Amino acid sequence: SVYRFHPHFHRLLEEKIADLVHPQYKFDLMLSEDGSGRG
């Protein structure tokens, strides 16, 4: 719920991961649309 509904959480998370991860390891964040139940 925090990731889904906080208006800035995704942006803050994405920007700061990019600052901290080694540049050769690329990533993207994907919202789990159907939740953990489908998993």
PDB file of all heavy atoms in Angstrom:
ATOM      1  N   SER A   1       0.807  -1.220   0.000  1.00  0.00           N
ATOM      2  CA  SER A   1       0.000   0.000   0.000  1.00  0.00           C
ATOM      3  C   SER A   1       0.841   1.271   0.000  1.00  0.00           C
ATOM      4  O   SER A   1       0.467   2.268  -0.625  1.00  0.00           O
ATOM      5  CB  SER A   1      -0.942   0.002   1.208  1.00  0.00           C
ATOM      6  OG  SER A   1      -0.206  -0.194   2.410  1.00  0.00           O
ATOM      7  N   VAL A   2       1.971   1.282   0.700  1.00  0.00           N
ATOM      8  CA  VAL A   2       2.801   2.487   0.729  1.00  0.00           C
ATOM      9  C   VAL A   2       3.342   2.770  -0.669  1.00  0.00           C
ATOM     10  O   VAL A   2       3.271   3.903  -1.171  1.00  0.00           O
ATOM     11  CB  VAL A   2       3.953   2.343   1.745  1.00  0.00           C
ATOM     12  CG1 VAL A   2       4.916   3.530   1.642  1.00  0.00           C
ATOM     13  CG2 VAL A   2       3.414   2.237   3.167  1.00  0.00           C
ATOM     14  N   TYR A   3       3.865   1.737  -1.328  1.00  0.00           N
ATOM     15  CA  TYR A   3       4.391   1.912  -2.689  1.00  0.00           C
ATOM     16  C   TYR A   3       3.280   2.308  -3.658  1.00  0.00           C
ATOM     17  O   TYR A   3       3.475   3.162  -4.533  1.00  0.00           O
ATOM     18  CB  TYR A   3       5.063   0.620  -3.156  1.00  0.00           C
ATOM     19  CG  TYR A   3       5.627   0.716  -4.557  1.00  0.00           C
ATOM     20  CD1 TYR A   3       6.849   1.337  -4.799  1.00  0.00           C
ATOM     21  CD2 TYR A   3       4.931   0.197  -5.652  1.00  0.00           C
ATOM     22  CE1 TYR A   3       7.363   1.440  -6.083  1.00  0.00           C
ATOM     23  CE2 TYR A   3       5.437   0.293  -6.939  1.00  0.00           C
ATOM     24  CZ  TYR A   3       6.654   0.912  -7.146  1.00  0.00           C
ATOM     25  OH  TYR A   3       7.155   1.019  -8.419  1.00  0.00           O
ATOM     26  N   ARG A   4       2.113   1.694  -3.506  1.00  0.00           N
ATOM     27  CA  ARG A   4       1.014   1.947  -4.441  1.00  0.00           C
ATOM     28  C   ARG A   4       0.418   3.344  -4.289  1.00  0.00           C
ATOM     29  O   ARG A   4       0.080   3.998  -5.282  1.00  0.00           O
ATOM     30  CB  ARG A   4      -0.108   0.923  -4.219  1.00  0.00           C
ATOM     31  CG  ARG A   4       0.156  -0.445  -4.811  1.00  0.00           C
ATOM     32  CD  ARG A   4      -0.957  -1.420  -4.445  1.00  0.00           C
ATOM     33  NE  ARG A   4      -0.758  -2.709  -5.080  1.00  0.00           N
ATOM     34  CZ  ARG A   4      -1.230  -3.051  -6.270  1.00  0.00           C
ATOM     35  NH1 ARG A   4      -1.936  -2.181  -6.968  1.00  0.00           N
ATOM     36  NH2 ARG A   4      -0.991  -4.238  -6.782  1.00  0.00           N
ATOM     37  N   PHE A   5       0.257   3.812  -3.057  1.00  0.00           N
ATOM     38  CA  PHE A   5      -0.575   4.989  -2.828  1.00  0.00           C
ATOM     39  C   PHE A   5       0.170   6.256  -2.429  1.00  0.00           C
ATOM     40  O   PHE A   5      -0.380   7.341  -2.534  1.00  0.00           O
ATOM     41  CB  PHE A   5      -1.641   4.667  -1.776  1.00  0.00           C
ATOM     42  CG  PHE A   5      -2.534   3.521  -2.167  1.00  0.00           C
ATOM     43  CD1 PHE A   5      -2.655   2.402  -1.360  1.00  0.00           C
ATOM     44  CD2 PHE A   5      -3.232   3.549  -3.365  1.00  0.00           C
ATOM     45  CE1 PHE A   5      -3.467   1.340  -1.724  1.00  0.00           C
ATOM     46  CE2 PHE A   5      -4.051   2.497  -3.750  1.00  0.00           C
ATOM     47  CZ  PHE A   5      -4.168   1.388  -2.927  1.00  0.00           C
ATOM     48  N   HIS A   6       1.406   6.124  -1.956  1.00  0.00           N
ATOM     49  CA  HIS A   6       2.153   7.340  -1.646  1.00  0.00           C
ATOM     50  C   HIS A   6       2.524   8.019  -2.958  1.00  0.00           C
ATOM     51  O   HIS A   6       3.115   7.389  -3.847  1.00  0.00           O
ATOM     52  CB  HIS A   6       3.414   7.000  -0.844  1.00  0.00           C
ATOM     53  CG  HIS A   6       4.114   8.201  -0.306  1.00  0.00           C
ATOM     54  ND1 HIS A   6       4.836   9.069  -1.114  1.00  0.00           N
ATOM     55  CD2 HIS A   6       4.212   8.708   0.950  1.00  0.00           C
ATOM     56  CE1 HIS A   6       5.337  10.034  -0.375  1.00  0.00           C
ATOM     57  NE2 HIS A   6       4.971   9.847   0.875  1.00  0.00           N
ATOM     58  N   PRO A   7       2.223   9.312  -3.127  1.00  0.00           N
ATOM     59  CA  PRO A   7       2.380   9.933  -4.443  1.00  0.00           C
ATOM     60  C   PRO A   7       3.820  10.074  -4.932  1.00  0.00           C
ATOM     61  O   PRO A   7       4.046  10.248  -6.134  1.00  0.00           O
ATOM     62  CB  PRO A   7       1.739  11.317  -4.254  1.00  0.00           C
ATOM     63  CG  PRO A   7       1.769  11.572  -2.788  1.00  0.00           C
ATOM     64  CD  PRO A   7       1.626  10.233  -2.142  1.00  0.00           C
ATOM     65  N   HIS A   8       4.812  10.011  -4.036  1.00  0.00           N
ATOM     66  CA  HIS A   8       6.204  10.225  -4.452  1.00  0.00           C
ATOM     67  C   HIS A   8       7.115   9.021  -4.212  1.00  0.00           C
ATOM     68  O   HIS A   8       8.292   9.073  -4.561  1.00  0.00           O
ATOM     69  CB  HIS A   8       6.801  11.428  -3.701  1.00  0.00           C
ATOM     70  CG  HIS A   8       5.960  12.656  -3.776  1.00  0.00           C
ATOM     71  ND1 HIS A   8       5.539  13.209  -4.968  1.00  0.00           N
ATOM     72  CD2 HIS A   8       5.432  13.440  -2.789  1.00  0.00           C
ATOM     73  CE1 HIS A   8       4.799  14.278  -4.721  1.00  0.00           C
ATOM     74  NE2 HIS A   8       4.714  14.436  -3.419  1.00  0.00           N
ATOM     75  N   PHE A   9       6.591   7.961  -3.624  1.00  0.00           N
ATOM     76  CA  PHE A   9       7.451   6.868  -3.176  1.00  0.00           C
ATOM     77  C   PHE A   9       8.191   6.211  -4.337  1.00  0.00           C
ATOM     78  O   PHE A   9       9.401   5.975  -4.256  1.00  0.00           O
ATOM     79  CB  PHE A   9       6.647   5.827  -2.397  1.00  0.00           C
ATOM     80  CG  PHE A   9       7.463   5.062  -1.397  1.00  0.00           C
ATOM     81  CD1 PHE A   9       7.586   5.517  -0.095  1.00  0.00           C
ATOM     82  CD2 PHE A   9       8.129   3.901  -1.748  1.00  0.00           C
ATOM     83  CE1 PHE A   9       8.349   4.832   0.850  1.00  0.00           C
ATOM     84  CE2 PHE A   9       8.895   3.208  -0.831  1.00  0.00           C
ATOM     85  CZ  PHE A   9       8.996   3.683   0.477  1.00  0.00           C
ATOM     86  N   HIS A  10       7.476   5.937  -5.422  1.00  0.00           N
ATOM     87  CA  HIS A  10       8.112   5.290  -6.582  1.00  0.00           C
ATOM     88  C   HIS A  10       9.274   6.133  -7.111  1.00  0.00           C
ATOM     89  O   HIS A  10      10.376   5.616  -7.350  1.00  0.00           O
ATOM     90  CB  HIS A  10       7.093   5.049  -7.690  1.00  0.00           C
ATOM     91  CG  HIS A  10       7.693   4.618  -8.993  1.00  0.00           C
ATOM     92  ND1 HIS A  10       7.990   3.298  -9.273  1.00  0.00           N
ATOM     93  CD2 HIS A  10       8.108   5.331 -10.076  1.00  0.00           C
ATOM     94  CE1 HIS A  10       8.535   3.219 -10.476  1.00  0.00           C
ATOM     95  NE2 HIS A  10       8.623   4.439 -10.978  1.00  0.00           N
ATOM     96  N   ARG A  11       9.028   7.423  -7.291  1.00  0.00           N
ATOM     97  CA  ARG A  11      10.070   8.311  -7.832  1.00  0.00           C
ATOM     98  C   ARG A  11      11.275   8.377  -6.897  1.00  0.00           C
ATOM     99  O   ARG A  11      12.430   8.246  -7.341  1.00  0.00           O
ATOM    100  CB  ARG A  11       9.498   9.712  -8.049  1.00  0.00           C
ATOM    101  CG  ARG A  11      10.533  10.748  -8.481  1.00  0.00           C
ATOM    102  CD  ARG A  11       9.929  12.123  -8.634  1.00  0.00           C
ATOM    103  NE  ARG A  11       9.280  12.607  -7.433  1.00  0.00           N
ATOM    104  CZ  ARG A  11       9.922  13.134  -6.387  1.00  0.00           C
ATOM    105  NH1 ARG A  11      11.250  13.228  -6.385  1.00  0.00           N
ATOM    106  NH2 ARG A  11       9.257  13.559  -5.335  1.00  0.00           N
ATOM    107  N   LEU A  12      11.026   8.564  -5.598  1.00  0.00           N
ATOM    108  CA  LEU A  12      12.125   8.649  -4.631  1.00  0.00           C
ATOM    109  C   LEU A  12      12.938   7.360  -4.622  1.00  0.00           C
ATOM    110  O   LEU A  12      14.170   7.379  -4.582  1.00  0.00           O
ATOM    111  CB  LEU A  12      11.561   8.920  -3.223  1.00  0.00           C
ATOM    112  CG  LEU A  12      10.943  10.300  -2.994  1.00  0.00           C
ATOM    113  CD1 LEU A  12      10.155  10.308  -1.681  1.00  0.00           C
ATOM    114  CD2 LEU A  12      12.020  11.384  -2.969  1.00  0.00           C
ATOM    115  N   LEU A  13      12.231   6.232  -4.665  1.00  0.00           N
ATOM    116  CA  LEU A  13      12.886   4.927  -4.628  1.00  0.00           C
ATOM    117  C   LEU A  13      13.740   4.713  -5.876  1.00  0.00           C
ATOM    118  O   LEU A  13      14.916   4.334  -5.786  1.00  0.00           O
ATOM    119  CB  LEU A  13      11.808   3.845  -4.508  1.00  0.00           C
ATOM    120  CG  LEU A  13      12.246   2.396  -4.374  1.00  0.00           C
ATOM    121  CD1 LEU A  13      13.160   2.206  -3.183  1.00  0.00           C
ATOM    122  CD2 LEU A  13      11.025   1.481  -4.258  1.00  0.00           C
ATOM    123  N   GLU A  14      13.154   4.976  -7.015  1.00  0.00           N
ATOM    124  CA  GLU A  14      13.857   4.753  -8.282  1.00  0.00           C
ATOM    125  C   GLU A  14      15.106   5.633  -8.387  1.00  0.00           C
ATOM    126  O   GLU A  14      16.191   5.166  -8.772  1.00  0.00           O
ATOM    127  CB  GLU A  14      12.903   5.035  -9.437  1.00  0.00           C
ATOM    128  CG  GLU A  14      13.415   4.615 -10.801  1.00  0.00           C
ATOM    129  CD  GLU A  14      12.327   4.731 -11.846  1.00  0.00           C
ATOM    130  OE1 GLU A  14      11.735   5.829 -11.968  1.00  0.00           O
ATOM    131  OE2 GLU A  14      12.063   3.733 -12.532  1.00  0.00           O
ATOM    132  N   GLU A  15      14.966   6.908  -8.036  1.00  0.00           N
ATOM    133  CA  GLU A  15      16.097   7.835  -8.143  1.00  0.00           C
ATOM    134  C   GLU A  15      17.236   7.450  -7.201  1.00  0.00           C
ATOM    135  O   GLU A  15      18.407   7.494  -7.578  1.00  0.00           O
ATOM    136  CB  GLU A  15      15.629   9.263  -7.842  1.00  0.00           C
ATOM    137  CG  GLU A  15      14.743   9.856  -8.922  1.00  0.00           C
ATOM    138  CD  GLU A  15      14.170  11.217  -8.555  1.00  0.00           C
ATOM    139  OE1 GLU A  15      14.386  11.676  -7.402  1.00  0.00           O
ATOM    140  OE2 GLU A  15      13.490  11.820  -9.409  1.00  0.00           O
ATOM    141  N   LYS A  16      16.881   7.041  -5.986  1.00  0.00           N
ATOM    142  CA  LYS A  16      17.931   6.761  -5.012  1.00  0.00           C
ATOM    143  C   LYS A  16      18.589   5.402  -5.270  1.00  0.00           C
ATOM    144  O   LYS A  16      19.802   5.253  -5.057  1.00  0.00           O
ATOM    145  CB  LYS A  16      17.373   6.835  -3.582  1.00  0.00           C
ATOM    146  CG  LYS A  16      18.427   6.811  -2.487  1.00  0.00           C
ATOM    147  CD  LYS A  16      19.553   7.813  -2.704  1.00  0.00           C
ATOM    148  CE  LYS A  16      19.125   9.244  -2.670  1.00  0.00           C
ATOM    149  NZ  LYS A  16      20.289  10.176  -2.801  1.00  0.00           N
ATOM    150  N   ILE A  17      17.855   4.417  -5.756  1.00  0.00           N
ATOM    151  CA  ILE A  17      18.491   3.157  -6.152  1.00  0.00           C
ATOM    152  C   ILE A  17      19.532   3.439  -7.235  1.00  0.00           C
ATOM    153  O   ILE A  17      20.656   2.919  -7.195  1.00  0.00           O
ATOM    154  CB  ILE A  17      17.463   2.122  -6.661  1.00  0.00           C
ATOM    155  CG1 ILE A  17      16.529   1.671  -5.538  1.00  0.00           C
ATOM    156  CG2 ILE A  17      18.184   0.893  -7.228  1.00  0.00           C
ATOM    157  CD1 ILE A  17      15.371   0.799  -6.017  1.00  0.00           C
ATOM    158  N   ALA A  18      19.159   4.273  -8.215  1.00  0.00           N
ATOM    159  CA  ALA A  18      20.077   4.614  -9.310  1.00  0.00           C
ATOM    160  C   ALA A  18      21.354   5.275  -8.785  1.00  0.00           C
ATOM    161  O   ALA A  18      22.441   5.066  -9.327  1.00  0.00           O
ATOM    162  CB  ALA A  18      19.380   5.527 -10.306  1.00  0.00           C
ATOM    163  N   ASP A  19      21.226   6.043  -7.710  1.00  0.00           N
ATOM    164  CA  ASP A  19      22.407   6.681  -7.109  1.00  0.00           C
ATOM    165  C   ASP A  19      23.327   5.666  -6.429  1.00  0.00           C
ATOM    166  O   ASP A  19      24.545   5.850  -6.387  1.00  0.00           O
ATOM    167  CB  ASP A  19      21.982   7.715  -6.050  1.00  0.00           C
ATOM    168  CG  ASP A  19      21.367   8.964  -6.657  1.00  0.00           C
ATOM    169  OD1 ASP A  19      21.566   9.194  -7.865  1.00  0.00           O
ATOM    170  OD2 ASP A  19      20.681   9.696  -5.919  1.00  0.00           O
ATOM    171  N   LEU A  20      22.735   4.591  -5.872  1.00  0.00           N
ATOM    172  CA  LEU A  20      23.482   3.700  -4.991  1.00  0.00           C
ATOM    173  C   LEU A  20      23.962   2.415  -5.658  1.00  0.00           C
ATOM    174  O   LEU A  20      24.941   1.809  -5.210  1.00  0.00           O
ATOM    175  CB  LEU A  20      22.612   3.334  -3.773  1.00  0.00           C
ATOM    176  CG  LEU A  20      22.197   4.503  -2.863  1.00  0.00           C
ATOM    177  CD1 LEU A  20      21.170   4.037  -1.842  1.00  0.00           C
ATOM    178  CD2 LEU A  20      23.407   5.101  -2.158  1.00  0.00           C
ATOM    179  N   VAL A  21      23.283   1.963  -6.712  1.00  0.00           N
ATOM    180  CA  VAL A  21      23.656   0.699  -7.347  1.00  0.00           C
ATOM    181  C   VAL A  21      24.860   0.919  -8.261  1.00  0.00           C
ATOM    182  O   VAL A  21      25.078   2.016  -8.786  1.00  0.00           O
ATOM    183  CB  VAL A  21      22.454   0.125  -8.131  1.00  0.00           C
ATOM    184  CG1 VAL A  21      22.217   0.894  -9.420  1.00  0.00           C
ATOM    185  CG2 VAL A  21      22.633  -1.358  -8.406  1.00  0.00           C
ATOM    186  N   HIS A  22      25.645  -0.149  -8.445  1.00  0.00           N
ATOM    187  CA  HIS A  22      26.778  -0.080  -9.375  1.00  0.00           C
ATOM    188  C   HIS A  22      26.245   0.205 -10.777  1.00  0.00           C
ATOM    189  O   HIS A  22      25.271  -0.429 -11.215  1.00  0.00           O
ATOM    190  CB  HIS A  22      27.549  -1.402  -9.366  1.00  0.00           C
ATOM    191  CG  HIS A  22      28.878  -1.329 -10.041  1.00  0.00           C
ATOM    192  ND1 HIS A  22      28.996  -1.242 -11.405  1.00  0.00           N
ATOM    193  CD2 HIS A  22      30.150  -1.316  -9.543  1.00  0.00           C
ATOM    194  CE1 HIS A  22      30.275  -1.184 -11.731  1.00  0.00           C
ATOM    195  NE2 HIS A  22      31.002  -1.215 -10.617  1.00  0.00           N
ATOM    196  N   PRO A  23      26.844   1.138 -11.514  1.00  0.00           N
ATOM    197  CA  PRO A  23      26.287   1.567 -12.816  1.00  0.00           C
ATOM    198  C   PRO A  23      26.084   0.443 -13.829  1.00  0.00           C
ATOM    199  O   PRO A  23      25.229   0.562 -14.710  1.00  0.00           O
ATOM    200  CB  PRO A  23      27.332   2.567 -13.338  1.00  0.00           C
ATOM    201  CG  PRO A  23      28.109   3.005 -12.152  1.00  0.00           C
ATOM    202  CD  PRO A  23      28.056   1.888 -11.155  1.00  0.00           C
ATOM    203  N   GLN A  24      26.842  -0.658 -13.715  1.00  0.00           N
ATOM    204  CA  GLN A  24      26.701  -1.719 -14.728  1.00  0.00           C
ATOM    205  C   GLN A  24      25.495  -2.617 -14.476  1.00  0.00           C
ATOM    206  O   GLN A  24      25.133  -3.425 -15.332  1.00  0.00           O
ATOM    207  CB  GLN A  24      27.972  -2.564 -14.808  1.00  0.00           C
ATOM    208  CG  GLN A  24      28.203  -3.507 -13.650  1.00  0.00           C
ATOM    209  CD  GLN A  24      29.542  -4.206 -13.753  1.00  0.00           C
ATOM    210  OE1 GLN A  24      30.575  -3.689 -13.387  1.00  0.00           O
ATOM    211  NE2 GLN A  24      29.508  -5.421 -14.289  1.00  0.00           N
ATOM    212  N   TYR A  25      24.843  -2.464 -13.308  1.00  0.00           N
ATOM    213  CA  TYR A  25      23.674  -3.293 -12.993  1.00  0.00           C
ATOM    214  C   TYR A  25      22.410  -2.460 -13.175  1.00  0.00           C
ATOM    215  O   TYR A  25      22.048  -1.656 -12.316  1.00  0.00           O
ATOM    216  CB  TYR A  25      23.760  -3.846 -11.575  1.00  0.00           C
ATOM    217  CG  TYR A  25      25.060  -4.560 -11.279  1.00  0.00           C
ATOM    218  CD1 TYR A  25      25.727  -4.361 -10.073  1.00  0.00           C
ATOM    219  CD2 TYR A  25      25.640  -5.418 -12.211  1.00  0.00           C
ATOM    220  CE1 TYR A  25      26.926  -5.002  -9.795  1.00  0.00           C
ATOM    221  CE2 TYR A  25      26.843  -6.058 -11.949  1.00  0.00           C
ATOM    222  CZ  TYR A  25      27.480  -5.842 -10.741  1.00  0.00           C
ATOM    223  OH  TYR A  25      28.678  -6.468 -10.481  1.00  0.00           O
ATOM    224  N   LYS A  26      21.744  -2.652 -14.304  1.00  0.00           N
ATOM    225  CA  LYS A  26      20.536  -1.891 -14.614  1.00  0.00           C
ATOM    226  C   LYS A  26      19.321  -2.547 -13.947  1.00  0.00           C
ATOM    227  O   LYS A  26      19.321  -3.749 -13.655  1.00  0.00           O
ATOM    228  CB  LYS A  26      20.322  -1.812 -16.128  1.00  0.00           C
ATOM    229  CG  LYS A  26      21.526  -1.276 -16.900  1.00  0.00           C
ATOM    230  CD  LYS A  26      21.938   0.108 -16.430  1.00  0.00           C
ATOM    231  CE  LYS A  26      23.128   0.622 -17.219  1.00  0.00           C
ATOM    232  NZ  LYS A  26      23.623   1.919 -16.694  1.00  0.00           N
ATOM    233  N   PHE A  27      18.277  -1.752 -13.742  1.00  0.00           N
ATOM    234  CA  PHE A  27      17.086  -2.264 -13.051  1.00  0.00           C
ATOM    235  C   PHE A  27      15.862  -1.490 -13.509  1.00  0.00           C
ATOM    236  O   PHE A  27      15.954  -0.398 -14.073  1.00  0.00           O
ATOM    237  CB  PHE A  27      17.239  -2.115 -11.531  1.00  0.00           C
ATOM    238  CG  PHE A  27      17.130  -0.686 -11.068  1.00  0.00           C
ATOM    239  CD1 PHE A  27      15.924  -0.179 -10.606  1.00  0.00           C
ATOM    240  CD2 PHE A  27      18.226   0.174 -11.124  1.00  0.00           C
ATOM    241  CE1 PHE A  27      15.809   1.149 -10.218  1.00  0.00           C
ATOM    242  CE2 PHE A  27      18.128   1.498 -10.728  1.00  0.00           C
ATOM    243  CZ  PHE A  27      16.908   1.992 -10.270  1.00  0.00           C
ATOM    244  N   ASP A  28      14.700  -2.066 -13.261  1.00  0.00           N
ATOM    245  CA  ASP A  28      13.455  -1.301 -13.345  1.00  0.00           C
ATOM    246  C   ASP A  28      12.509  -1.813 -12.271  1.00  0.00           C
ATOM    247  O   ASP A  28      12.658  -2.949 -11.777  1.00  0.00           O
ATOM    248  CB  ASP A  28      12.821  -1.383 -14.736  1.00  0.00           C
ATOM    249  CG  ASP A  28      12.419  -2.795 -15.103  1.00  0.00           C
ATOM    250  OD1 ASP A  28      13.300  -3.591 -15.489  1.00  0.00           O
ATOM    251  OD2 ASP A  28      11.222  -3.104 -15.011  1.00  0.00           O
ATOM    252  N   LEU A  29      11.573  -0.986 -11.868  1.00  0.00           N
ATOM    253  CA  LEU A  29      10.585  -1.324 -10.843  1.00  0.00           C
ATOM    254  C   LEU A  29       9.263  -1.626 -11.527  1.00  0.00           C
ATOM    255  O   LEU A  29       8.795  -0.852 -12.357  1.00  0.00           O
ATOM    256  CB  LEU A  29      10.397  -0.170  -9.860  1.00  0.00           C
ATOM    257  CG  LEU A  29      11.649   0.348  -9.149  1.00  0.00           C
ATOM    258  CD1 LEU A  29      11.300   1.518  -8.234  1.00  0.00           C
ATOM    259  CD2 LEU A  29      12.335  -0.757  -8.359  1.00  0.00           C
ATOM    260  N   MET A  30       8.661  -2.766 -11.168  1.00  0.00           N
ATOM    261  CA  MET A  30       7.413  -3.197 -11.802  1.00  0.00           C
ATOM    262  C   MET A  30       6.354  -3.416 -10.732  1.00  0.00           C
ATOM    263  O   MET A  30       6.552  -4.222  -9.807  1.00  0.00           O
ATOM    264  CB  MET A  30       7.658  -4.507 -12.574  1.00  0.00           C
ATOM    265  CG  MET A  30       6.423  -5.102 -13.199  1.00  0.00           C
ATOM    266  SD  MET A  30       6.829  -6.668 -14.046  1.00  0.00           S
ATOM    267  CE  MET A  30       5.213  -7.129 -14.662  1.00  0.00           C
ATOM    268  N   LEU A  31       5.242  -2.695 -10.825  1.00  0.00           N
ATOM    269  CA  LEU A  31       4.148  -2.880  -9.878  1.00  0.00           C
ATOM    270  C   LEU A  31       3.497  -4.232 -10.102  1.00  0.00           C
ATOM    271  O   LEU A  31       3.173  -4.599 -11.236  1.00  0.00           O
ATOM    272  CB  LEU A  31       3.108  -1.769 -10.045  1.00  0.00           C
ATOM    273  CG  LEU A  31       1.863  -1.876  -9.167  1.00  0.00           C
ATOM    274  CD1 LEU A  31       2.226  -1.724  -7.697  1.00  0.00           C
ATOM    275  CD2 LEU A  31       0.825  -0.837  -9.570  1.00  0.00           C
ATOM    276  N   SER A  32       3.323  -4.973  -9.029  1.00  0.00           N
ATOM    277  CA  SER A  32       2.641  -6.263  -9.107  1.00  0.00           C
ATOM    278  C   SER A  32       1.143  -6.002  -9.141  1.00  0.00           C
ATOM    279  O   SER A  32       0.506  -5.818  -8.105  1.00  0.00           O
ATOM    280  CB  SER A  32       3.006  -7.134  -7.902  1.00  0.00           C
ATOM    281  OG  SER A  32       2.297  -8.350  -7.931  1.00  0.00           O
ATOM    282  N   GLU A  33       0.588  -5.953 -10.347  1.00  0.00           N
ATOM    283  CA  GLU A  33      -0.803  -5.533 -10.515  1.00  0.00           C
ATOM    284  C   GLU A  33      -1.800  -6.478  -9.865  1.00  0.00           C
ATOM    285  O   GLU A  33      -2.854  -6.057  -9.396  1.00  0.00           O
ATOM    286  CB  GLU A  33      -1.119  -5.395 -12.005  1.00  0.00           C
ATOM    287  CG  GLU A  33      -0.312  -4.300 -12.701  1.00  0.00           C
ATOM    288  CD  GLU A  33      -0.532  -4.293 -14.193  1.00  0.00           C
ATOM    289  OE1 GLU A  33      -1.354  -5.090 -14.666  1.00  0.00           O
ATOM    290  OE2 GLU A  33       0.128  -3.497 -14.876  1.00  0.00           O
ATOM    291  N   ASP A  34      -1.476  -7.748  -9.823  1.00  0.00           N
ATOM    292  CA  ASP A  34      -2.431  -8.736  -9.313  1.00  0.00           C
ATOM    293  C   ASP A  34      -2.102  -9.192  -7.896  1.00  0.00           C
ATOM    294  O   ASP A  34      -2.737 -10.103  -7.371  1.00  0.00           O
ATOM    295  CB  ASP A  34      -2.465  -9.957 -10.243  1.00  0.00           C
ATOM    296  CG  ASP A  34      -2.741  -9.553 -11.678  1.00  0.00           C
ATOM    297  OD1 ASP A  34      -3.761  -8.891 -11.895  1.00  0.00           O
ATOM    298  OD2 ASP A  34      -1.935  -9.876 -12.555  1.00  0.00           O
ATOM    299  N   GLY A  35      -1.084  -8.575  -7.265  1.00  0.00           N
ATOM    300  CA  GLY A  35      -0.762  -8.921  -5.895  1.00  0.00           C
ATOM    301  C   GLY A  35      -0.065 -10.254  -5.771  1.00  0.00           C
ATOM    302  O   GLY A  35       0.169 -10.978  -6.738  1.00  0.00           O
ATOM    303  N   SER A  36       0.272 -10.585  -4.531  1.00  0.00           N
ATOM    304  CA  SER A  36       1.040 -11.795  -4.274  1.00  0.00           C
ATOM    305  C   SER A  36       0.199 -13.060  -4.378  1.00  0.00           C
ATOM    306  O   SER A  36       0.740 -14.161  -4.476  1.00  0.00           O
ATOM    307  CB  SER A  36       1.678 -11.714  -2.883  1.00  0.00           C
ATOM    308  OG  SER A  36       0.695 -11.475  -1.901  1.00  0.00           O
ATOM    309  N   GLY A  37      -1.128 -12.925  -4.367  1.00  0.00           N
ATOM    310  CA  GLY A  37      -1.991 -14.103  -4.453  1.00  0.00           C
ATOM    311  C   GLY A  37      -1.812 -14.853  -5.755  1.00  0.00           C
ATOM    312  O   GLY A  37      -1.704 -16.078  -5.784  1.00  0.00           O
ATOM    313  N   ARG A  38      -1.770 -14.124  -6.869  1.00  0.00           N
ATOM    314  CA  ARG A  38      -1.561 -14.773  -8.172  1.00  0.00           C
ATOM    315  C   ARG A  38      -0.208 -15.459  -8.192  1.00  0.00           C
ATOM    316  O   ARG A  38      -0.042 -16.533  -8.770  1.00  0.00           O
ATOM    317  CB  ARG A  38      -1.655 -13.743  -9.304  1.00  0.00           C
ATOM    318  CG  ARG A  38      -1.550 -14.369 -10.687  1.00  0.00           C
ATOM    319  CD  ARG A  38      -1.931 -13.372 -11.760  1.00  0.00           C
ATOM    320  NE  ARG A  38      -0.882 -12.398 -11.987  1.00  0.00           N
ATOM    321  CZ  ARG A  38       0.022 -12.489 -12.974  1.00  0.00           C
ATOM    322  NH1 ARG A  38       0.022 -13.539 -13.779  1.00  0.00           N
ATOM    323  NH2 ARG A  38       0.922 -11.549 -13.135  1.00  0.00           N
ATOM    324  N   GLY A  39       0.779 -14.852  -7.526  1.00  0.00           N
ATOM    325  CA  GLY A  39       2.099 -15.462  -7.445  1.00  0.00           C
ATOM    326  C   GLY A  39       2.074 -16.791  -6.726  1.00  0.00           C
ATOM    327  O   GLY A  39       2.772 -17.735  -7.110  1.00  0.00           O
TER     328      GLY A  39
END
